[in-house]
Amino acid sequence: MLPLFPSTARIDGSALTIGRVTAADLIAAHGSPLVVYDEATIRAAARAYREAAPDALIAYGTKAFPNLAILRLLAEEGIGADVSTLGEMRFAREAGIAGDRIVVHGNNKTDAELATAAREGALVVVDSLEEIERAETAGVTRTLVRFTPGIDADTHEAIRTAHHGSKFGLPAHDTIEALRRSPGIEGLHVHVGSQLLDLADALMAVDFIATFAAQARQATGWEWTTLDLGGGLGVATSPDEPELPIGEYVRAVRNELDRACGLHHLRRPNVIFEPGRSLVSHAGVTLYTVGSVKRVASATTYVAVDGGMSDNARPALYGARYTALLANRADETPTDVYAIAGKHCESGDVLIEQVSLPQPRRGDVLAVPSTGAYTLGMGSNYNVTPRPAAVLVADGVARVIRRRETLDDLLALEA
């Protein structure tokens, strides 16, 4: 086993293999950069959620990587979809996910998004008071209301979502008003943030929302039938980060919900989880080709690759940390510490600040693990750079699940 890499990753002689296909062969066949997804790793993560919460709806956070092949694979494992735009809804339906297994989010839903959600029979998470009437007018019949409990989650400030002042959801008094205006609301939604690496914030959210549900029942007579606990379970992307196993996380949250419901004499609601990165991050490896190698200071040597912030914006946006190995020389001992730089016209386009490697050479294949989530999904065409292809590997076979963009694709959009 290689930490942070997909479960099928192996070192065979000097070569990194994923799903029994060598990284060098993948680059030769499909070009560089390339994002490689391992089918077995995705299926194992989906099954871990289903086994830990067999009676819950597990809705994939589509924004992590919206892709038809992966959505279909997850649907085969009994996973639904969490969406927030017409595009994500279309992807989910094209992948064969039934409308009643789709949860629709968004802090500024359009009339078209509400109408589409109504037509598909999706569950809509109301995000503002004015949205209640608009949802009813659109014909939406199934709703939750997003409650903002005021929790400052232990994660990067840009991906905290339940603190006071968040653009998402409603504070307590407005949530009570929403329940008065629309007593048919099925339940509540809470999501404290993304990339959560311990249980404390998730358990706190359960306690907050159960206490609030009891207060709402007393104030309005309303009682929940559904509780959406959002997503946010983090994954390690560098060797020194902690990580919670999926089963441990889900069971702890469910046990806390049982305890809190008993404490407040609440009925136990139907539960929804919305995992994104914890389903697909470890399944993904980005392969780059090494270009320039240059020492710029006594302690800094840059290794430039043929991608960067256009295919992985997380280091620049959130300070995310990654690791890497030379996929074509994976058996060699590291000789020094290097910084991995992208090719874009930004000093901040540094994918990895420090990683130990053998002396890199032009043409080497660099493999960066745990890049299956929020990489291509947040990709851009900065510097008029076509976005990479993605392939899915299983049992020695690789198939393209997103073709590489070309300059002709980009020029076709110009008027």
Protein backbone atom coordinates (compact mmCIF):
# COMPACT_ATOMS: atom_id res chain seq x y z
CA MET A 1 0.00 0.00 0.00
CA LEU A 2 1.15 3.53 -0.82
CA PRO A 3 -0.20 6.11 1.64
CA LEU A 4 -2.55 8.68 0.05
CA PHE A 5 -2.60 6.81 -3.28
CA PRO A 6 -5.51 4.69 -4.55
CA SER A 7 -5.89 1.25 -2.99
CA THR A 8 -4.62 -0.47 -6.15
CA ALA A 9 -1.44 1.62 -6.44
CA ARG A 10 1.77 -0.42 -6.42
CA ILE A 11 5.45 0.04 -7.21
CA ASP A 12 6.49 -2.61 -9.72
CA GLY A 13 10.24 -2.37 -10.18
CA SER A 14 10.77 1.32 -10.88
CA ALA A 15 7.21 1.98 -12.09
CA LEU A 16 4.13 3.26 -10.29
CA THR A 17 1.05 1.32 -11.35
CA ILE A 18 -2.60 2.19 -10.67
CA GLY A 19 -5.28 -0.36 -11.39
CA ARG A 20 -2.51 -2.53 -12.92
CA VAL A 21 -1.61 0.13 -15.49
CA THR A 22 1.74 1.94 -15.29
CA ALA A 23 1.72 5.70 -14.98
CA ALA A 24 4.20 6.04 -17.84
CA ASP A 25 1.94 3.98 -20.12
CA LEU A 26 -1.03 6.15 -19.18
CA ILE A 27 0.87 9.31 -20.11
CA ALA A 28 2.07 7.74 -23.37
CA ALA A 29 -1.47 6.77 -24.33
CA HIS A 30 -3.44 9.77 -23.08
CA GLY A 31 -1.04 12.70 -22.84
CA SER A 32 0.06 14.96 -20.01
CA PRO A 33 -1.12 16.26 -17.60
CA LEU A 34 -3.59 13.47 -16.87
CA VAL A 35 -5.93 12.80 -13.95
CA VAL A 36 -6.25 9.08 -13.21
CA TYR A 37 -9.18 7.72 -11.19
CA ASP A 38 -9.16 4.24 -9.68
CA GLU A 39 -12.54 2.50 -9.83
CA ALA A 40 -11.88 0.13 -6.93
CA THR A 41 -11.06 2.98 -4.55
CA ILE A 42 -14.27 4.85 -5.40
CA ARG A 43 -16.40 1.76 -4.94
CA ALA A 44 -14.77 0.97 -1.59
CA ALA A 45 -15.47 4.48 -0.28
CA ALA A 46 -19.10 4.31 -1.42
CA ARG A 47 -19.54 0.94 0.27
CA ALA A 48 -18.00 2.25 3.50
CA TYR A 49 -20.71 4.93 3.64
CA ARG A 50 -23.50 2.50 2.78
CA GLU A 51 -22.33 -0.05 5.35
CA ALA A 52 -22.04 2.55 8.12
CA ALA A 53 -25.41 4.14 7.30
CA PRO A 54 -27.52 1.59 5.42
CA ASP A 55 -30.78 3.46 6.02
CA ALA A 56 -29.45 6.93 5.06
CA LEU A 57 -29.44 8.68 1.69
CA ILE A 58 -25.81 9.19 0.67
CA ALA A 59 -25.75 12.03 -1.88
CA TYR A 60 -22.45 12.60 -3.67
CA GLY A 61 -21.29 16.23 -3.53
CA THR A 62 -21.17 16.56 -7.31
CA LYS A 63 -19.08 19.73 -7.21
CA ALA A 64 -16.09 17.67 -6.06
CA PHE A 65 -15.86 16.31 -9.61
CA PRO A 66 -18.92 16.40 -11.87
CA ASN A 67 -18.42 13.50 -14.25
CA LEU A 68 -20.96 11.15 -15.82
CA ALA A 69 -18.86 8.00 -15.55
CA ILE A 70 -18.18 8.53 -11.85
CA LEU A 71 -21.79 9.50 -11.13
CA ARG A 72 -22.92 6.29 -12.86
CA LEU A 73 -20.40 4.24 -10.91
CA LEU A 74 -21.61 5.77 -7.64
CA ALA A 75 -25.26 5.23 -8.63
CA GLU A 76 -24.45 1.52 -9.08
CA GLU A 77 -23.32 1.59 -5.43
CA GLY A 78 -26.60 3.17 -4.28
CA ILE A 79 -25.35 6.76 -4.05
CA GLY A 80 -27.50 9.79 -4.97
CA ALA A 81 -26.37 13.33 -5.79
CA ASP A 82 -26.07 16.71 -4.07
CA VAL A 83 -26.28 19.43 -6.74
CA SER A 84 -26.44 23.22 -6.83
CA THR A 85 -26.84 24.27 -10.48
CA LEU A 86 -28.78 23.32 -13.58
CA GLY A 87 -25.56 21.81 -14.92
CA GLU A 88 -25.06 19.54 -11.92
CA MET A 89 -28.74 18.51 -12.03
CA ARG A 90 -28.41 17.64 -15.70
CA PHE A 91 -25.29 15.57 -15.03
CA ALA A 92 -27.01 13.67 -12.22
CA ARG A 93 -30.07 12.87 -14.33
CA GLU A 94 -27.96 11.96 -17.38
CA ALA A 95 -26.11 9.52 -15.12
CA GLY A 96 -29.42 7.85 -14.30
CA ILE A 97 -29.83 9.11 -10.73
CA ALA A 98 -33.54 9.33 -9.89
CA GLY A 99 -34.94 12.75 -8.98
CA ASP A 100 -35.96 11.60 -5.51
CA ARG A 101 -32.30 10.83 -4.79
CA ILE A 102 -31.14 14.34 -5.70
CA VAL A 103 -30.73 17.13 -3.14
CA VAL A 104 -30.69 20.67 -4.57
CA HIS A 105 -28.66 23.40 -2.87
CA GLY A 106 -27.64 26.97 -3.66
CA ASN A 107 -27.75 30.34 -1.95
CA ASN A 108 -29.19 32.04 -5.06
CA LYS A 109 -31.34 29.52 -6.92
CA THR A 110 -32.82 30.68 -10.20
CA ASP A 111 -36.45 30.15 -11.15
CA ALA A 112 -35.24 27.65 -13.76
CA GLU A 113 -33.34 25.66 -11.12
CA LEU A 114 -36.39 25.55 -8.84
CA ALA A 115 -38.67 24.55 -11.72
CA THR A 116 -36.29 21.78 -12.78
CA ALA A 117 -36.04 20.52 -9.20
CA ALA A 118 -39.84 20.46 -8.99
CA ARG A 119 -40.16 18.59 -12.27
CA GLU A 120 -37.63 15.98 -11.18
CA GLY A 121 -39.16 15.51 -7.72
CA ALA A 122 -35.89 16.52 -6.04
CA LEU A 123 -35.49 17.60 -2.44
CA VAL A 124 -34.79 21.36 -2.29
CA VAL A 125 -32.82 22.92 0.56
CA VAL A 126 -34.33 26.38 1.10
CA ASP A 127 -31.59 28.94 1.74
CA SER A 128 -33.53 32.17 2.37
CA LEU A 129 -36.99 33.32 3.42
CA GLU A 130 -37.82 34.73 0.00
CA GLU A 131 -37.04 31.36 -1.56
CA ILE A 132 -39.93 29.66 0.24
CA GLU A 133 -42.63 31.35 -1.82
CA ARG A 134 -40.60 31.04 -5.03
CA ALA A 135 -40.16 27.31 -4.44
CA GLU A 136 -43.88 26.86 -3.83
CA THR A 137 -44.71 28.85 -6.97
CA ALA A 138 -42.33 26.65 -8.97
CA GLY A 139 -44.15 23.55 -7.74
CA VAL A 140 -41.51 22.23 -5.35
CA THR A 141 -43.17 19.87 -2.89
CA ARG A 142 -40.21 18.56 -0.88
CA THR A 143 -38.08 21.00 1.12
CA LEU A 144 -35.60 21.32 3.94
CA VAL A 145 -34.37 24.60 5.40
CA ARG A 146 -30.66 25.25 5.85
CA PHE A 147 -29.87 26.24 9.42
CA THR A 148 -26.71 28.20 10.24
CA PRO A 149 -25.76 27.35 13.85
CA GLY A 150 -22.82 29.75 14.22
CA ILE A 151 -20.01 27.19 14.38
CA ASP A 152 -16.52 28.26 13.34
CA ALA A 153 -15.24 24.95 12.01
CA ASP A 154 -11.55 24.08 12.29
CA THR A 155 -10.77 24.42 8.59
CA HIS A 156 -9.68 27.08 6.12
CA GLU A 157 -11.83 30.22 6.39
CA ALA A 158 -12.85 30.00 2.72
CA ILE A 159 -14.55 26.63 3.29
CA ARG A 160 -16.27 27.34 6.60
CA THR A 161 -20.00 27.48 5.97
CA ALA A 162 -21.88 27.56 9.29
CA HIS A 163 -20.36 30.55 11.08
CA HIS A 164 -22.29 33.72 11.86
CA GLY A 165 -22.14 35.84 8.75
CA SER A 166 -21.97 32.90 6.34
CA LYS A 167 -23.60 33.48 2.97
CA PHE A 168 -25.31 30.09 3.36
CA GLY A 169 -28.48 29.30 5.27
CA LEU A 170 -30.57 31.05 7.88
CA PRO A 171 -29.87 32.01 11.49
CA ALA A 172 -32.11 30.62 14.22
CA HIS A 173 -34.82 33.32 14.23
CA ASP A 174 -35.23 33.21 10.44
CA THR A 175 -35.30 29.41 10.45
CA ILE A 176 -38.15 29.54 12.96
CA GLU A 177 -39.94 32.03 10.68
CA ALA A 178 -39.41 29.70 7.71
CA LEU A 179 -41.04 26.84 9.64
CA ARG A 180 -43.99 29.08 10.53
CA ARG A 181 -44.46 30.14 6.91
CA SER A 182 -44.13 26.64 5.52
CA PRO A 183 -44.98 23.97 8.09
CA GLY A 184 -44.67 21.32 5.39
CA ILE A 185 -40.87 21.66 5.41
CA GLU A 186 -39.60 18.13 6.00
CA GLY A 187 -36.53 18.93 8.03
CA LEU A 188 -33.29 20.78 8.52
CA HIS A 189 -29.93 20.91 6.83
CA VAL A 190 -26.61 21.79 8.45
CA HIS A 191 -23.11 21.83 6.99
CA VAL A 192 -20.31 23.34 9.05
CA GLY A 193 -17.53 23.27 6.46
CA SER A 194 -15.29 21.20 4.25
CA GLN A 195 -12.07 19.25 4.80
CA LEU A 196 -12.91 18.42 8.44
CA LEU A 197 -10.19 16.18 9.85
CA ASP A 198 -11.60 15.43 13.30
CA LEU A 199 -15.00 14.72 14.84
CA ALA A 200 -15.38 17.71 17.14
CA ASP A 201 -17.14 20.10 14.76
CA ALA A 202 -19.42 17.42 13.29
CA LEU A 203 -20.56 16.29 16.73
CA MET A 204 -21.05 19.89 17.84
CA ALA A 205 -23.25 20.48 14.78
CA VAL A 206 -25.41 17.48 15.70
CA ASP A 207 -25.87 18.79 19.25
CA PHE A 208 -26.67 22.32 18.03
CA ILE A 209 -29.23 21.21 15.49
CA ALA A 210 -30.98 18.78 17.85
CA THR A 211 -31.25 21.50 20.49
CA PHE A 212 -32.62 23.86 17.86
CA ALA A 213 -35.13 21.27 16.60
CA ALA A 214 -36.49 20.95 20.13
CA GLN A 215 -36.76 24.75 20.39
CA ALA A 216 -38.50 24.91 17.01
CA ARG A 217 -41.02 22.27 18.11
CA GLN A 218 -41.79 24.27 21.22
CA ALA A 219 -42.12 27.54 19.30
CA THR A 220 -44.15 26.30 16.32
CA GLY A 221 -45.29 22.73 16.94
CA TRP A 222 -43.20 21.66 13.93
CA GLU A 223 -41.18 18.45 14.09
CA TRP A 224 -38.64 17.11 11.65
CA THR A 225 -38.83 13.95 9.60
CA THR A 226 -35.50 14.47 7.80
CA LEU A 227 -32.08 15.75 8.82
CA ASP A 228 -29.39 16.47 6.24
CA LEU A 229 -26.00 16.53 7.95
CA GLY A 230 -24.16 17.76 4.88
CA GLY A 231 -20.69 16.58 3.96
CA GLY A 232 -17.26 17.90 4.80
CA LEU A 233 -15.37 14.81 5.93
CA GLY A 234 -11.76 15.58 5.07
CA VAL A 235 -9.00 13.49 3.57
CA ALA A 236 -5.28 13.67 4.08
CA THR A 237 -3.43 15.07 1.06
CA SER A 238 0.02 15.16 2.67
CA PRO A 239 1.70 12.52 4.86
CA ASP A 240 1.57 14.48 8.11
CA GLU A 241 -2.18 15.16 8.04
CA PRO A 242 -4.63 13.07 10.12
CA GLU A 243 -7.61 11.31 8.60
CA LEU A 244 -10.83 9.81 9.94
CA PRO A 245 -12.01 6.52 8.44
CA ILE A 246 -15.41 6.91 6.81
CA GLY A 247 -17.09 4.26 8.98
CA GLU A 248 -15.75 5.73 12.21
CA TYR A 249 -16.98 9.20 11.26
CA VAL A 250 -20.45 8.12 10.19
CA ARG A 251 -21.03 5.87 13.18
CA ALA A 252 -19.91 8.55 15.63
CA VAL A 253 -22.24 11.13 14.08
CA ARG A 254 -25.19 8.72 14.05
CA ASN A 255 -24.57 7.71 17.66
CA GLU A 256 -24.45 11.37 18.71
CA LEU A 257 -27.70 12.01 16.85
CA ASP A 258 -29.36 9.10 18.66
CA ARG A 259 -28.12 10.48 21.99
CA ALA A 260 -29.27 14.03 21.21
CA CYS A 261 -32.70 12.90 20.00
CA GLY A 262 -33.17 10.90 23.18
CA LEU A 263 -32.08 13.84 25.32
CA HIS A 264 -34.61 16.18 23.68
CA HIS A 265 -37.35 13.55 23.17
CA LEU A 266 -37.22 14.04 19.41
CA ARG A 267 -38.24 11.51 16.82
CA ARG A 268 -35.21 10.11 15.02
CA PRO A 269 -35.22 11.67 11.56
CA ASN A 270 -34.32 10.12 8.25
CA VAL A 271 -30.66 11.06 7.67
CA ILE A 272 -28.85 12.36 4.61
CA PHE A 273 -25.07 12.62 4.21
CA GLU A 274 -23.47 14.57 1.35
CA PRO A 275 -19.85 13.38 0.98
CA GLY A 276 -17.75 14.70 -1.87
CA ARG A 277 -13.99 14.55 -1.42
CA SER A 278 -14.13 11.51 0.88
CA LEU A 279 -15.67 9.52 -1.98
CA VAL A 280 -13.26 10.49 -4.76
CA SER A 281 -10.16 12.31 -3.50
CA HIS A 282 -7.94 9.29 -2.76
CA ALA A 283 -9.10 7.65 -5.98
CA GLY A 284 -7.47 10.38 -8.05
CA VAL A 285 -3.82 10.85 -9.01
CA THR A 286 -2.60 13.66 -11.26
CA LEU A 287 0.29 12.78 -13.55
CA TYR A 288 2.52 15.57 -14.84
CA THR A 289 5.61 15.66 -17.02
CA VAL A 290 8.68 17.36 -15.55
CA GLY A 291 10.15 20.26 -17.51
CA SER A 292 12.59 22.84 -16.17
CA VAL A 293 14.58 22.09 -13.00
CA LYS A 294 16.43 25.08 -11.51
CA ARG A 295 17.97 26.08 -8.20
CA VAL A 296 16.97 29.64 -7.28
CA ALA A 297 18.36 29.75 -3.73
CA SER A 298 20.51 27.63 -1.48
CA ALA A 299 17.45 25.88 -0.09
CA THR A 300 15.05 26.11 -3.06
CA THR A 301 15.09 24.14 -6.29
CA TYR A 302 12.01 24.43 -8.47
CA VAL A 303 10.77 21.48 -10.50
CA ALA A 304 8.36 22.85 -13.10
CA VAL A 305 5.55 20.68 -14.47
CA ASP A 306 3.19 21.03 -17.42
CA GLY A 307 0.14 21.93 -15.34
CA GLY A 308 -0.49 23.84 -12.13
CA MET A 309 -3.21 26.07 -10.79
CA SER A 310 -5.37 25.56 -13.89
CA ASP A 311 -5.87 21.90 -12.96
CA ASN A 312 -5.43 22.19 -9.16
CA ALA A 313 -6.25 25.57 -7.66
CA ARG A 314 -6.39 24.31 -4.07
CA PRO A 315 -2.80 25.15 -3.04
CA ALA A 316 -3.25 28.74 -4.25
CA LEU A 317 -6.80 29.12 -2.87
CA TYR A 318 -6.59 27.26 0.45
CA GLY A 319 -2.94 26.56 1.11
CA ALA A 320 -3.62 22.87 0.51
CA ARG A 321 -0.56 20.66 0.86
CA TYR A 322 0.29 17.69 -1.35
CA THR A 323 3.07 15.18 -1.82
CA ALA A 324 4.48 13.47 -4.93
CA LEU A 325 6.75 10.79 -6.29
CA LEU A 326 8.54 10.20 -9.59
CA ALA A 327 6.28 7.60 -11.16
CA ASN A 328 8.91 6.30 -13.61
CA ARG A 329 11.66 6.10 -10.94
CA ALA A 330 9.55 5.15 -7.95
CA ASP A 331 12.13 2.75 -6.49
CA GLU A 332 14.91 5.35 -6.23
CA THR A 333 15.93 6.95 -2.93
CA PRO A 334 15.22 10.68 -2.55
CA THR A 335 18.33 12.83 -2.70
CA ASP A 336 17.01 16.32 -1.92
CA VAL A 337 13.95 18.44 -1.19
CA TYR A 338 12.25 20.21 -4.10
CA ALA A 339 9.40 22.64 -4.73
CA ILE A 340 6.92 21.71 -7.48
CA ALA A 341 5.91 24.73 -9.56
CA GLY A 342 3.20 25.06 -12.16
CA LYS A 343 3.66 26.69 -15.55
CA HIS A 344 1.31 29.65 -15.03
CA CYS A 345 2.16 33.35 -14.84
CA GLU A 346 1.67 33.59 -11.06
CA SER A 347 4.27 33.41 -8.31
CA GLY A 348 1.59 31.64 -6.27
CA ASP A 349 1.40 28.80 -8.79
CA VAL A 350 3.29 26.36 -6.56
CA LEU A 351 1.66 22.96 -6.17
CA ILE A 352 3.99 21.61 -3.47
CA GLU A 353 6.29 23.71 -1.29
CA GLN A 354 8.55 20.84 -0.24
CA VAL A 355 8.80 17.21 -1.27
CA SER A 356 11.68 14.74 -1.12
CA LEU A 357 12.53 13.23 -4.51
CA PRO A 358 15.40 11.67 -6.46
CA GLN A 359 17.07 14.29 -8.66
CA PRO A 360 14.27 15.08 -11.18
CA ARG A 361 15.04 15.19 -14.89
CA ARG A 362 13.17 16.65 -17.84
CA GLY A 363 10.67 14.06 -19.07
CA ASP A 364 10.15 12.34 -15.72
CA VAL A 365 6.54 11.59 -14.73
CA LEU A 366 5.51 13.19 -11.45
CA ALA A 367 2.52 11.63 -9.63
CA VAL A 368 0.54 13.73 -7.13
CA PRO A 369 -1.96 11.64 -5.10
CA SER A 370 -5.27 12.57 -3.46
CA THR A 371 -6.23 14.91 -6.28
CA GLY A 372 -9.58 13.35 -7.18
CA ALA A 373 -11.66 16.13 -5.59
CA TYR A 374 -11.84 19.86 -6.31
CA THR A 375 -9.11 19.74 -8.94
CA LEU A 376 -10.64 19.32 -12.40
CA GLY A 377 -13.96 20.38 -10.88
CA MET A 378 -12.41 23.79 -10.16
CA GLY A 379 -10.18 23.80 -13.23
CA SER A 380 -9.76 26.78 -15.51
CA ASN A 381 -8.28 27.80 -18.83
CA TYR A 382 -5.89 30.32 -17.31
CA ASN A 383 -3.19 31.34 -19.81
CA VAL A 384 -5.40 29.68 -22.47
CA THR A 385 -4.45 26.26 -21.16
CA PRO A 386 -6.70 23.38 -22.25
CA ARG A 387 -7.87 21.29 -19.31
CA PRO A 388 -6.44 17.76 -18.89
CA ALA A 389 -8.11 14.49 -19.74
CA ALA A 390 -9.34 12.11 -17.05
CA VAL A 391 -9.25 8.32 -17.24
CA LEU A 392 -10.79 5.61 -15.08
CA VAL A 393 -8.65 2.53 -14.47
CA ALA A 394 -9.72 -0.96 -13.42
CA ASP A 395 -8.12 -4.39 -13.81
CA GLY A 396 -5.47 -3.28 -16.28
CA VAL A 397 -7.81 -1.24 -18.50
CA ALA A 398 -7.98 2.56 -18.73
CA ARG A 399 -10.88 4.34 -20.37
CA VAL A 400 -11.25 8.05 -21.03
CA ILE A 401 -14.03 9.57 -18.92
CA ARG A 402 -13.30 13.16 -19.90
CA ARG A 403 -11.39 13.97 -23.07
CA ARG A 404 -8.60 16.47 -23.13
CA GLU A 405 -9.60 19.96 -24.25
CA THR A 406 -7.91 21.35 -27.32
CA LEU A 407 -7.09 24.87 -28.45
CA ASP A 408 -9.77 24.43 -31.12
CA ASP A 409 -12.31 23.83 -28.31
CA LEU A 410 -11.34 27.12 -26.72
CA LEU A 411 -11.29 29.03 -29.97
CA ALA A 412 -14.78 27.70 -30.81
CA LEU A 413 -16.17 29.80 -27.94
CA GLU A 414 -14.78 33.03 -29.35
CA ALA A 415 -17.01 35.37 -31.38
